[in-house]
Protein backbone atom coordinates (compact mmCIF):
# COMPACT_ATOMS: atom_id res chain seq x y z
CA MET A 1 92.80 105.98 137.82
CA ASN A 2 96.27 106.41 139.32
CA THR A 3 97.40 109.89 138.24
CA SER A 4 101.04 109.69 139.33
CA LEU A 5 103.56 110.38 136.58
CA SER A 6 106.98 109.20 135.54
CA VAL A 7 108.76 111.84 133.49
CA VAL A 8 111.49 110.58 131.15
CA ILE A 9 114.05 113.06 129.81
CA PRO A 10 116.89 111.78 127.60
CA THR A 11 119.95 114.01 127.46
CA TYR A 12 123.39 114.16 125.90
CA ASN A 13 125.79 116.93 126.92
CA GLY A 14 122.69 118.79 128.00
CA GLN A 15 123.55 120.21 131.43
CA ALA A 16 122.90 123.80 130.33
CA LEU A 17 119.52 122.86 128.88
CA LEU A 18 118.56 120.88 131.98
CA GLU A 19 119.51 123.79 134.20
CA LYS A 20 117.19 125.98 132.14
CA HIS A 21 114.19 123.68 131.65
CA LEU A 22 114.16 121.18 134.52
CA PRO A 23 112.90 123.71 137.13
CA HIS A 24 109.83 124.29 134.92
CA VAL A 25 109.22 120.55 134.73
CA LEU A 26 109.44 120.31 138.49
CA LYS A 27 106.69 122.93 138.87
CA ILE A 28 104.05 120.70 137.25
CA LEU A 29 104.81 117.63 139.34
CA ARG A 30 103.13 116.38 142.50
CA LEU A 31 104.00 114.37 145.55
CA GLY A 32 105.05 110.87 144.51
CA ASP A 33 105.87 111.67 140.89
CA GLN A 34 109.15 110.46 139.40
CA ILE A 35 111.67 112.10 137.09
CA ILE A 36 114.08 109.87 135.16
CA ILE A 37 117.04 111.54 133.47
CA VAL A 38 118.73 109.24 130.96
CA ASP A 39 122.27 110.44 130.38
CA ASP A 40 123.37 109.14 127.00
CA ALA A 41 127.10 108.88 127.82
CA SER A 42 127.62 112.65 128.04
CA SER A 43 131.14 114.07 128.02
CA ASP A 44 130.13 117.16 130.00
CA THR A 45 129.44 117.38 133.75
CA THR A 46 125.74 116.43 133.55
CA LEU A 47 126.05 113.48 135.94
CA GLU A 48 127.92 115.48 138.55
CA TRP A 49 125.39 118.30 138.31
CA LEU A 50 122.44 115.91 138.68
CA THR A 51 123.93 114.66 141.94
CA THR A 52 123.61 118.20 143.32
CA GLN A 53 119.96 118.33 142.28
CA LYS A 54 118.77 115.27 144.19
CA PRO A 55 118.26 117.13 147.50
CA ILE A 56 116.08 119.70 145.71
CA PHE A 57 113.80 116.99 144.37
CA ALA A 58 113.83 115.04 147.64
CA ALA A 59 112.66 118.15 149.51
CA GLN A 60 109.54 118.17 147.34
CA LYS A 61 109.05 114.40 147.65
CA ILE A 62 109.77 113.96 143.94
CA ARG A 63 111.85 110.93 143.08
CA LEU A 64 114.84 111.65 140.82
CA ASP A 65 116.39 108.61 139.11
CA VAL A 66 119.42 108.89 136.86
CA VAL A 67 120.14 106.24 134.23
CA ALA A 68 123.73 106.57 133.01
CA LEU A 69 124.36 104.81 129.70
CA LYS A 70 127.96 103.72 129.15
CA LYS A 71 127.82 104.17 125.38
CA ASN A 72 126.05 106.86 123.37
CA GLN A 73 122.96 105.21 121.86
CA ARG A 74 120.83 108.22 120.81
CA PHE A 75 117.17 108.97 121.34
CA ALA A 76 115.28 105.70 120.83
CA ALA A 77 117.50 103.53 123.03
CA ALA A 78 117.82 106.23 125.68
CA VAL A 79 114.05 106.63 125.99
CA ASN A 80 113.52 102.87 126.13
CA ALA A 81 116.03 102.65 128.98
CA GLY A 82 114.20 105.39 130.86
CA VAL A 83 110.75 103.89 130.40
CA HIS A 84 112.07 100.55 131.64
CA VAL A 85 112.64 102.01 135.12
CA ALA A 86 109.45 104.10 135.20
CA LYS A 87 107.41 103.30 138.32
CA HIS A 88 104.07 104.69 137.19
CA ALA A 89 101.47 103.71 134.59
CA PHE A 90 101.76 106.97 132.65
CA VAL A 91 104.98 108.38 131.22
CA LEU A 92 105.52 111.99 130.21
CA LEU A 93 108.31 112.05 127.63
CA LEU A 94 110.09 115.38 127.26
CA ASN A 95 113.24 116.45 125.47
CA ASN A 96 115.83 118.22 127.61
CA ASP A 97 115.05 121.46 125.75
CA VAL A 98 111.34 121.52 126.67
CA SER A 99 109.56 123.56 129.35
CA PRO A 100 105.86 123.07 130.17
CA LEU A 101 103.90 126.32 129.82
CA THR A 102 100.34 125.29 130.76
CA PRO A 103 100.11 125.19 134.58
CA ASP A 104 97.59 122.30 134.61
CA ILE A 105 99.25 120.39 131.77
CA ARG A 106 99.49 117.10 133.67
CA GLN A 107 95.77 117.14 134.47
CA ARG A 108 94.86 118.09 130.91
CA LEU A 109 96.88 115.22 129.45
CA LEU A 110 95.79 112.61 131.97
CA GLN A 111 92.09 113.36 131.57
CA TRP A 112 92.15 111.99 128.03
CA PHE A 113 92.99 108.52 129.33
CA ALA A 114 90.10 108.55 131.82
CA HIS A 115 87.63 108.49 128.94
CA ASN A 116 89.30 106.24 126.35
CA GLU A 117 90.71 102.80 127.15
CA SER A 118 92.10 102.53 123.60
CA LEU A 119 94.19 105.67 123.92
CA PHE A 120 97.94 105.16 123.58
CA ALA A 121 99.33 108.70 123.67
CA VAL A 122 98.52 112.41 123.78
CA GLY A 123 100.78 114.98 122.14
CA CYS A 124 101.38 118.50 123.40
CA GLY A 125 101.02 121.76 121.54
CA GLU A 126 104.55 123.05 120.96
CA VAL A 127 105.73 126.63 120.52
CA ARG A 128 109.28 127.37 119.46
CA GLU A 129 109.37 130.80 121.05
CA ASN A 130 108.31 131.47 124.62
CA LYS A 131 106.15 134.47 123.86
CA PRO A 132 102.43 135.26 123.39
CA ASN A 133 100.89 134.33 120.03
CA ALA A 134 103.85 132.15 119.03
CA GLN A 135 103.07 129.75 116.17
CA LEU A 136 101.74 126.41 117.34
CA PHE A 137 103.12 123.03 116.24
CA GLY A 138 102.63 119.39 117.19
CA ARG A 139 99.59 118.09 115.29
CA GLY A 140 100.92 115.76 112.61
CA THR A 141 99.32 114.73 109.38
CA GLY A 142 100.34 113.12 106.12
CA GLY A 143 99.47 110.78 103.29
CA TRP A 144 100.93 108.69 100.49
CA GLN A 145 103.06 110.46 97.91
CA ARG A 146 104.99 108.61 95.22
CA GLY A 147 105.28 105.48 97.33
CA PHE A 148 106.38 107.16 100.55
CA LEU A 149 104.51 108.24 103.66
CA ALA A 150 104.70 112.02 103.43
CA HIS A 151 104.35 113.90 106.70
CA PHE A 152 103.98 117.50 107.76
CA TYR A 153 102.34 119.66 110.38
CA ASP A 154 98.68 120.33 109.70
CA PRO A 155 97.81 124.00 109.06
CA ASP A 156 94.97 123.53 111.57
CA GLN A 157 96.61 122.93 114.94
CA THR A 158 93.32 123.20 116.86
CA ARG A 159 91.94 119.73 116.13
CA PHE A 160 92.39 116.73 118.37
CA ALA A 161 93.15 113.84 116.01
CA THR A 162 96.75 113.43 114.88
CA LEU A 163 98.82 111.02 112.78
CA TRP A 164 101.66 111.00 115.29
CA THR A 165 102.67 112.34 118.67
CA ALA A 166 106.05 114.05 118.75
CA GLY A 167 108.76 112.36 120.80
CA GLY A 168 109.77 115.66 122.37
CA SER A 169 106.53 116.16 124.30
CA MET A 170 104.00 113.38 124.72
CA LEU A 171 102.21 111.44 127.46
CA PHE A 172 101.68 107.72 126.92
CA GLU A 173 100.59 104.59 128.74
CA LYS A 174 103.64 102.56 129.72
CA ALA A 175 101.94 99.18 129.27
CA LYS A 176 101.02 99.92 125.65
CA PHE A 177 104.49 101.33 124.97
CA GLU A 178 106.00 98.06 126.17
CA LYS A 179 103.59 96.00 124.07
CA LEU A 180 104.81 97.94 121.05
CA GLY A 181 108.39 97.14 122.01
CA GLY A 182 109.16 100.82 122.59
CA PHE A 183 110.94 102.99 120.06
CA ASP A 184 112.63 101.01 117.31
CA THR A 185 116.42 101.43 117.44
CA LEU A 186 116.64 100.61 113.72
CA PHE A 187 115.99 104.33 113.24
CA TYR A 188 119.39 105.16 114.76
CA PRO A 189 120.63 107.81 115.10
CA ALA A 190 117.42 109.81 114.61
CA TYR A 191 114.34 110.68 112.54
CA GLU A 192 111.04 108.80 112.08
CA GLU A 193 111.12 106.82 115.33
CA ASP A 194 108.18 108.71 116.83
CA ARG A 195 106.15 108.45 113.61
CA ASP A 196 106.92 104.72 113.44
CA LEU A 197 105.79 104.21 117.03
CA SER A 198 102.60 106.20 116.42
CA TYR A 199 101.78 104.41 113.17
CA ARG A 200 102.21 101.01 114.80
CA ALA A 201 99.90 102.07 117.62
CA LEU A 202 97.23 103.26 115.18
CA LYS A 203 97.42 100.06 113.15
CA ARG A 204 96.91 98.05 116.35
CA GLY A 205 93.59 99.80 116.81
CA TRP A 206 94.74 102.25 119.46
CA ASP A 207 94.18 106.00 119.37
CA LEU A 208 96.35 109.12 119.42
CA MET A 209 95.23 112.57 120.46
CA PHE A 210 96.66 116.08 120.29
CA ASP A 211 95.87 118.64 122.97
CA TYR A 212 96.74 122.07 121.61
CA GLN A 213 95.94 123.64 124.99
CA ALA A 214 98.58 121.53 126.75
CA ARG A 215 101.45 123.73 125.66
CA VAL A 216 105.19 123.43 125.96
CA TRP A 217 108.10 125.56 124.83
CA HIS A 218 110.44 123.47 122.68
CA GLN A 219 113.77 125.11 121.85
CA HIS A 220 114.75 122.36 119.36
CA GLU A 221 118.38 122.12 120.38
CA THR A 222 119.84 118.99 118.80
CA THR A 223 123.27 117.39 118.78
CA ASN A 224 122.64 115.09 115.81
CA GLN A 225 124.10 117.29 113.08
CA SER A 226 127.04 118.45 115.18
CA ILE A 227 127.99 114.81 115.84
CA PHE A 228 127.14 113.12 112.55
CA GLY A 229 127.14 116.02 110.07
CA GLN A 230 124.34 117.19 107.78
CA ARG A 231 125.15 114.78 104.92
CA GLU A 232 125.12 111.76 107.22
CA MET A 233 121.81 112.82 108.76
CA GLU A 234 120.24 113.26 105.31
CA ILE A 235 121.34 109.74 104.33
CA ASN A 236 119.85 108.37 107.53
CA SER A 237 116.65 110.31 106.92
CA TRP A 238 116.21 108.50 103.59
CA LYS A 239 117.17 105.17 105.18
CA ASN A 240 114.52 105.65 107.84
CA GLN A 241 111.84 106.62 105.32
CA PHE A 242 112.38 103.28 103.61
CA ILE A 243 112.28 101.45 106.95
CA ILE A 244 108.99 102.99 108.08
CA VAL A 245 107.34 101.95 104.81
CA TRP A 246 108.78 98.44 104.65
CA LYS A 247 107.83 97.78 108.28
CA ASN A 248 104.34 99.17 108.44
CA ILE A 249 102.33 99.39 105.23
CA ASP A 250 99.91 96.82 103.91
CA ALA A 251 100.30 94.87 100.67
CA ILE A 252 98.51 97.36 98.39
CA ARG A 253 100.67 100.28 99.46
CA LEU A 254 103.80 98.12 99.44
CA TRP A 255 103.31 97.28 95.76
CA GLN A 256 102.78 100.96 95.02
CA HIS A 257 106.03 101.71 96.81
CA VAL A 258 107.86 99.07 94.76
CA ALA A 259 106.40 100.51 91.54
CA TRP A 260 107.85 103.92 92.41
CA LEU A 261 111.34 102.61 93.24
CA PRO A 262 112.80 102.94 89.70
CA PHE A 263 111.75 106.59 89.67
CA HIS A 264 113.31 107.28 93.06
CA LEU A 265 116.50 105.29 92.47
CA THR A 266 117.17 107.25 89.29
CA LEU A 267 115.60 110.73 89.25
CA THR A 268 115.19 111.36 92.99
CA ASN A 269 118.61 109.87 93.66
CA ALA A 270 120.18 112.21 91.11
CA LYS A 271 118.31 115.16 92.60
CA THR A 272 119.64 114.30 96.08
CA LYS A 273 123.17 113.78 94.72
CA GLY A 274 123.13 110.10 95.60
CA LEU A 275 121.91 110.45 99.18
CA LEU A 276 118.65 108.58 98.57
CA GLY A 277 120.57 105.70 97.01
CA LEU A 278 122.89 105.48 100.00
CA GLY A 279 119.89 105.51 102.33
CA PHE A 280 118.24 102.77 100.27
CA TRP A 281 121.41 100.65 100.43
CA ARG A 282 121.65 101.01 104.21
CA ALA A 283 118.01 100.01 104.62
CA LEU A 284 118.53 97.07 102.25
CA GLN A 285 121.39 95.78 104.40
CA ILE A 286 119.04 95.33 107.37
CA LEU A 287 116.09 94.09 105.30
CA PRO A 288 115.89 90.67 107.06
CA THR A 289 115.51 92.44 110.42
CA ILE A 290 112.89 94.81 109.00
CA VAL A 291 110.92 91.92 107.52
CA ALA A 292 111.05 89.98 110.79
CA LYS A 293 109.72 92.99 112.68
CA ARG A 294 107.02 93.48 110.06
CA HIS A 295 105.84 89.89 110.46
CA ARG A 296 105.69 90.19 114.24
CA GLU A 297 103.74 93.43 114.08
CA GLN A 298 101.42 92.30 111.28
CA ARG A 299 99.74 89.83 113.60
CA HIS A 300 98.41 92.76 115.62
CA TRP A 301 97.14 94.95 112.77
CA GLN A 302 93.52 96.02 113.26
CA ARG A 303 93.36 98.85 110.73
CA SER A 304 94.38 99.26 107.11
CA ASP A 305 96.56 102.18 106.03
CA ARG A 306 93.53 103.89 104.54
CA GLU A 307 91.68 103.55 107.85
CA VAL A 308 94.66 104.92 109.78
CA LEU A 309 94.89 108.03 107.63
CA LYS A 310 91.15 108.57 107.63
CA ARG A 311 90.93 108.20 111.40
CA ALA A 312 93.69 110.74 111.87
CA GLN A 313 91.58 113.22 109.85
CA THR A 314 94.60 114.18 107.84
CA PHE A 315 94.99 117.22 105.67
CA ALA A 316 96.86 115.92 102.65
CA PRO A 317 96.95 118.24 99.62
CA GLN A 318 98.24 116.81 96.34
CA LEU A 319 98.93 113.39 97.80
CA ASP A 320 98.13 110.01 96.30
CA GLN A 321 94.77 108.50 97.18
């Protein structure tokens, strides 16, 4: 198995974060590896700074490619652009605010693929503070609740099965990523795109794993709220929750979702001060596109929703069966 890596790091106005975290990424790489920085139309001096870094990478025989987007497109489109120019079979996707902590993290992640041809991705164990005994995150779980796919981090972060791999720190096989069509840009500007990608992979019959010993420090610095505002991001969060359901669930769950809509469009909408309703309206406006994508993906489904959740060994208290 070829163990060379392409590392994709999307960034927007992230020079300070790259200066802090990129040296730690470089430490885990080997001769012939590739780093792809996707600059999402930054207004800071990221591009100029990256030019000064190329000799540092060249001295270690690490290829540094910079993809400069002309228009800000946010996470999903930026990652897709980076993966498109990846030269190697395996892609390590990291946010610009992530530093690997485990010295042998690349070997740990790659070894999973040597033993499982159906494996799509492996997620990393994330800590939000770079200190001993920091709380561990990354293993996702969930279940059906009032017609939606509820999701949360499992209290037990020391198991290997997971419902999704987080977009901020995951290793995946490029060929499978491309077969899935990459991240879906319908989830613009953010939220749910990594869960959507993971759910589609699981329904195709592929596997996801979580390696809690492959640890990274994730600062969780985001520009979404500063650009779009909290209210706008909450509306988009509801929009994207509708999209992930309409795209991915089978007929039984879809009818359950429809049955819960009057409840959500009245009581939940009132509770959210109309934000759910606005999210529903935005999702409804792109319904033909969602349905078309659902039909294309449905041809590849190998597992039911029940099988997906069972295989992920989810911990789902007080959720619908």
